Amino acid sequence: MSCVFVLAILLLGGCASSGDINSPVERRLSWYSYLNGDDIRVACQPGAPDHLRATFNGVYSEDLRLYEIQDLGGDRSLSSRMIGPADLTTLANISGLSSLFDPWRGTSRVQALDGVGWSRLLAALDADGLTKPPPVGLELRSDRFYWVVVGCLDGAVVFNAWADPSSRFDALTFDDVLVDLDKPKRPLPHYEKAMRGSLEAQRRKDFLFRLRVGPNGLIDGAPIGGEVPKFGS
């Protein structure tokens, strides 16, 4: 694992996200802030547009799905980005410095979202407990599956998280709604253990980091390979 990536993970909680994760370098340095929706929280106040960010970690090094759903006065949109292992074959098409990171950008698209789709998503999120107190202490591991949803609805911050394996994760419904609205080229993955000694197993170990859920958002996890400290420590 490169020293740059180690540094990026160790600085997960130290770099504020602007919400723009097109650059893989910025994404790694500000992943914690992005996942926690710090940029959304700062902008959330009475009268602010509704904005939701849903993030699916399907093993950090293998499959990330990033969704931004916004309602700007009835002009609704669904932005999605799918990030998997880097396709280094695209390096053959580099045309300048700006395209150096293309293999790590993933694929993205933006589409209009009608009122029916918006209402379906909000209803599913409500049924899944978005506005209920989050599970304090829940550990989010980079080598497992989890969802984090943060946003601003009616001028108030909302936040919750669901991690696999758990009954809360298994009972989720909003993920099906998102997939139906987005219609990705690749369906959400099913979790499978990596074969011992395989490249996938080693990559998961190299990329391992953990975050915890607090009363109102995420709190720092442990460094790579370390133990998650107890609350108050």
Protein backbone atom coordinates (compact mmCIF):
# COMPACT_ATOMS: atom_id res chain seq x y z
CA MET A 1 0.00 0.00 0.00
CA SER A 2 1.35 3.40 -0.92
CA CYS A 3 2.40 5.95 1.69
CA VAL A 4 0.06 8.44 0.04
CA PHE A 5 -2.94 6.22 0.71
CA VAL A 6 -1.90 5.56 4.31
CA LEU A 7 -1.63 9.29 4.85
CA ALA A 8 -5.02 9.80 3.22
CA ILE A 9 -6.72 7.34 5.55
CA LEU A 10 -5.04 8.77 8.63
CA LEU A 11 -6.29 12.20 7.61
CA LEU A 12 -9.86 11.09 6.93
CA GLY A 13 -11.22 13.25 9.74
CA GLY A 14 -8.93 16.22 9.13
CA CYS A 15 -9.93 17.42 5.65
CA ALA A 16 -13.25 19.13 5.06
CA SER A 17 -15.24 18.03 2.04
CA SER A 18 -16.71 20.47 -0.45
CA GLY A 19 -19.07 17.77 -1.66
CA ASP A 20 -17.13 17.41 -4.92
CA ILE A 21 -15.55 13.96 -4.99
CA ASN A 22 -14.70 13.82 -8.70
CA SER A 23 -11.02 13.95 -7.81
CA PRO A 24 -9.90 10.62 -6.26
CA VAL A 25 -7.23 12.43 -4.24
CA GLU A 26 -9.76 14.79 -2.65
CA ARG A 27 -12.16 11.88 -2.17
CA ARG A 28 -9.62 9.93 -0.15
CA LEU A 29 -8.46 12.91 1.90
CA SER A 30 -11.99 14.07 2.72
CA TRP A 31 -13.90 10.77 2.74
CA TYR A 32 -14.89 11.03 6.42
CA SER A 33 -16.11 14.60 5.96
CA TYR A 34 -17.98 13.71 2.76
CA LEU A 35 -19.61 10.66 4.35
CA ASN A 36 -20.66 12.76 7.35
CA GLY A 37 -22.13 15.41 5.03
CA ASP A 38 -20.21 18.28 6.62
CA ASP A 39 -20.83 20.51 3.59
CA ILE A 40 -24.56 19.77 3.74
CA ARG A 41 -24.69 20.43 7.48
CA VAL A 42 -23.05 23.85 7.11
CA ALA A 43 -25.59 24.90 4.44
CA CYS A 44 -28.62 23.47 6.27
CA GLN A 45 -30.84 26.16 7.75
CA PRO A 46 -34.50 27.16 7.57
CA GLY A 47 -35.42 27.70 3.92
CA ALA A 48 -32.47 25.74 2.54
CA PRO A 49 -33.19 23.38 -0.38
CA ASP A 50 -33.80 19.73 0.44
CA HIS A 51 -30.64 17.71 -0.15
CA LEU A 52 -29.91 14.06 0.59
CA ARG A 53 -26.63 12.16 0.27
CA ALA A 54 -26.79 8.36 0.34
CA THR A 55 -23.54 6.41 0.31
CA PHE A 56 -23.22 2.67 -0.13
CA ASN A 57 -19.96 1.04 0.89
CA GLY A 58 -19.87 -2.32 -0.87
CA VAL A 59 -16.32 -2.90 0.42
CA TYR A 60 -14.43 0.38 0.00
CA SER A 61 -11.82 -0.95 -2.43
CA GLU A 62 -14.35 -2.78 -4.61
CA ASP A 63 -17.69 -0.99 -4.98
CA LEU A 64 -18.82 2.46 -3.85
CA ARG A 65 -22.17 4.01 -4.83
CA LEU A 66 -22.57 7.72 -4.15
CA TYR A 67 -25.94 9.43 -4.56
CA GLU A 68 -26.89 13.10 -4.33
CA ILE A 69 -30.62 13.82 -4.41
CA GLN A 70 -31.69 17.44 -4.47
CA ASP A 71 -34.91 19.43 -4.69
CA LEU A 72 -34.25 22.99 -5.79
CA GLY A 73 -37.72 24.45 -5.62
CA GLY A 74 -39.32 21.59 -7.52
CA ASP A 75 -36.35 21.11 -9.85
CA ARG A 76 -35.34 17.68 -8.58
CA SER A 77 -32.29 15.69 -9.60
CA LEU A 78 -30.59 12.38 -8.83
CA SER A 79 -26.82 12.27 -9.26
CA SER A 80 -25.05 8.94 -9.00
CA ARG A 81 -21.44 7.83 -9.12
CA MET A 82 -20.25 4.23 -9.21
CA ILE A 83 -16.62 3.57 -8.22
CA GLY A 84 -14.94 0.21 -8.48
CA PRO A 85 -11.35 -1.02 -8.79
CA ALA A 86 -9.31 1.22 -11.08
CA ASP A 87 -9.32 0.29 -14.75
CA LEU A 88 -5.67 0.94 -15.57
CA THR A 89 -6.23 0.20 -19.25
CA THR A 90 -7.69 3.70 -19.55
CA LEU A 91 -4.24 5.15 -18.86
CA ALA A 92 -3.52 4.52 -22.54
CA ASN A 93 -5.95 7.35 -23.33
CA ILE A 94 -4.37 10.00 -21.11
CA SER A 95 -4.39 13.36 -22.85
CA GLY A 96 -3.02 15.56 -20.07
CA LEU A 97 -2.53 15.98 -16.33
CA SER A 98 -6.28 16.32 -15.74
CA SER A 99 -6.89 12.79 -17.05
CA LEU A 100 -4.21 11.10 -14.95
CA PHE A 101 -6.75 10.10 -12.32
CA ASP A 102 -9.46 8.92 -14.72
CA PRO A 103 -9.08 5.23 -13.77
CA TRP A 104 -10.09 6.11 -10.19
CA ARG A 105 -12.97 8.52 -10.91
CA GLY A 106 -15.63 5.91 -11.60
CA THR A 107 -18.65 6.63 -13.74
CA SER A 108 -21.27 9.25 -13.01
CA ARG A 109 -24.49 10.65 -14.38
CA VAL A 110 -27.25 13.10 -13.46
CA GLN A 111 -30.91 12.64 -14.24
CA ALA A 112 -34.13 14.47 -13.51
CA LEU A 113 -36.29 13.14 -10.69
CA ASP A 114 -40.04 13.61 -10.75
CA GLY A 115 -42.26 14.23 -7.74
CA VAL A 116 -43.41 10.62 -7.59
CA GLY A 117 -39.86 9.32 -7.39
CA TRP A 118 -38.93 11.90 -4.75
CA SER A 119 -41.97 10.98 -2.65
CA ARG A 120 -41.24 7.25 -2.98
CA LEU A 121 -37.68 7.74 -1.78
CA LEU A 122 -38.69 9.93 1.17
CA ALA A 123 -41.36 7.43 2.23
CA ALA A 124 -38.89 4.53 2.08
CA LEU A 125 -36.27 6.44 4.05
CA ASP A 126 -38.85 7.36 6.68
CA ALA A 127 -39.92 3.71 6.97
CA ASP A 128 -36.26 2.70 7.32
CA GLY A 129 -35.79 5.10 10.24
CA LEU A 130 -33.85 7.98 8.72
CA THR A 131 -35.24 10.51 11.19
CA LYS A 132 -34.97 8.22 14.21
CA PRO A 133 -31.93 8.32 16.54
CA PRO A 134 -28.96 6.59 14.88
CA PRO A 135 -27.43 3.47 16.46
CA VAL A 136 -24.72 5.09 18.60
CA GLY A 137 -21.54 3.05 18.62
CA LEU A 138 -22.25 1.21 15.37
CA GLU A 139 -18.97 0.41 13.63
CA LEU A 140 -18.69 1.02 9.89
CA ARG A 141 -15.91 -1.11 8.44
CA SER A 142 -14.39 -0.43 5.05
CA ASP A 143 -14.28 -4.19 4.37
CA ARG A 144 -18.01 -4.70 4.99
CA PHE A 145 -21.26 -3.35 3.55
CA TYR A 146 -22.98 -0.29 4.98
CA TRP A 147 -25.22 2.63 4.04
CA VAL A 148 -24.93 6.17 5.38
CA VAL A 149 -27.59 8.77 4.62
CA VAL A 150 -27.20 12.40 5.62
CA GLY A 151 -29.12 15.41 4.43
CA CYS A 152 -31.11 18.53 4.98
CA LEU A 153 -34.90 18.20 4.93
CA ASP A 154 -37.20 21.10 5.73
CA GLY A 155 -34.22 23.03 7.07
CA ALA A 156 -33.11 20.35 9.54
CA VAL A 157 -30.19 17.92 9.40
CA VAL A 158 -31.06 14.21 9.15
CA PHE A 159 -28.59 11.36 9.59
CA ASN A 160 -28.56 7.60 9.99
CA ALA A 161 -26.48 4.54 9.17
CA TRP A 162 -27.06 0.83 8.61
CA ALA A 163 -24.35 -1.83 8.63
CA ASP A 164 -24.29 -5.42 7.48
CA PRO A 165 -24.74 -7.93 9.06
CA SER A 166 -27.79 -6.76 11.01
CA SER A 167 -31.57 -7.00 10.91
CA ARG A 168 -31.75 -3.22 10.31
CA PHE A 169 -29.61 -3.59 7.19
CA ASP A 170 -31.57 -6.59 5.94
CA ALA A 171 -34.88 -4.71 6.35
CA LEU A 172 -33.84 -1.69 4.25
CA THR A 173 -36.22 -0.60 1.48
CA PHE A 174 -34.82 2.73 0.26
CA ASP A 175 -31.91 0.98 -1.47
CA ASP A 176 -34.35 -0.81 -3.78
CA VAL A 177 -36.06 2.50 -4.53
CA LEU A 178 -32.74 4.16 -5.34
CA VAL A 179 -31.72 1.34 -7.66
CA ASP A 180 -35.10 1.48 -9.39
CA LEU A 181 -34.77 5.23 -9.90
CA ASP A 182 -31.13 5.15 -10.95
CA LYS A 183 -31.18 1.95 -13.02
CA PRO A 184 -27.41 1.38 -12.80
CA LYS A 185 -25.54 -0.76 -15.31
CA ARG A 186 -24.46 -3.00 -12.45
CA PRO A 187 -26.81 -4.02 -9.60
CA LEU A 188 -25.80 -3.58 -5.98
CA PRO A 189 -23.40 -6.38 -5.04
CA HIS A 190 -24.05 -9.15 -2.54
CA TYR A 191 -21.45 -9.56 0.17
CA GLU A 192 -19.05 -12.44 -0.29
CA LYS A 193 -16.04 -13.30 1.81
CA ALA A 194 -12.77 -12.94 -0.02
CA MET A 195 -10.85 -16.17 -0.54
CA ARG A 196 -8.08 -16.47 2.00
CA GLY A 197 -4.75 -15.43 0.52
CA SER A 198 -6.38 -13.90 -2.55
CA LEU A 199 -5.71 -10.48 -4.03
CA GLU A 200 -9.13 -9.31 -2.81
CA ALA A 201 -8.39 -10.44 0.76
CA GLN A 202 -5.07 -8.62 0.79
CA ARG A 203 -6.59 -5.48 -0.72
CA ARG A 204 -9.33 -5.43 1.90
CA LYS A 205 -6.71 -5.72 4.62
CA ASP A 206 -4.55 -2.97 3.11
CA PHE A 207 -7.51 -0.60 2.79
CA LEU A 208 -9.02 -1.38 6.19
CA PHE A 209 -10.33 1.53 8.26
CA ARG A 210 -13.29 1.96 10.55
CA LEU A 211 -15.65 4.74 11.60
CA ARG A 212 -18.23 4.83 14.35
CA VAL A 213 -21.69 6.31 14.56
CA GLY A 214 -22.29 9.00 17.18
CA PRO A 215 -25.50 10.66 18.39
CA ASN A 216 -25.68 13.09 15.46
CA GLY A 217 -23.16 11.86 12.92
CA LEU A 218 -19.92 10.02 12.44
CA ILE A 219 -17.03 10.07 14.86
CA ASP A 220 -13.48 9.05 14.15
CA GLY A 221 -12.59 5.39 14.04
CA ALA A 222 -9.27 3.69 14.61
CA PRO A 223 -6.15 3.96 12.45
CA ILE A 224 -5.49 1.11 10.06
CA GLY A 225 -5.07 -2.10 12.03
CA GLY A 226 -5.78 -0.39 15.36
CA GLU A 227 -8.49 -0.93 17.92
CA VAL A 228 -11.52 1.36 17.98
CA PRO A 229 -11.24 3.43 21.19
CA LYS A 230 -14.06 3.48 23.71
CA PHE A 231 -16.32 6.51 23.89
CA GLY A 232 -14.80 9.26 25.99
CA SER A 233 -11.24 8.03 25.44
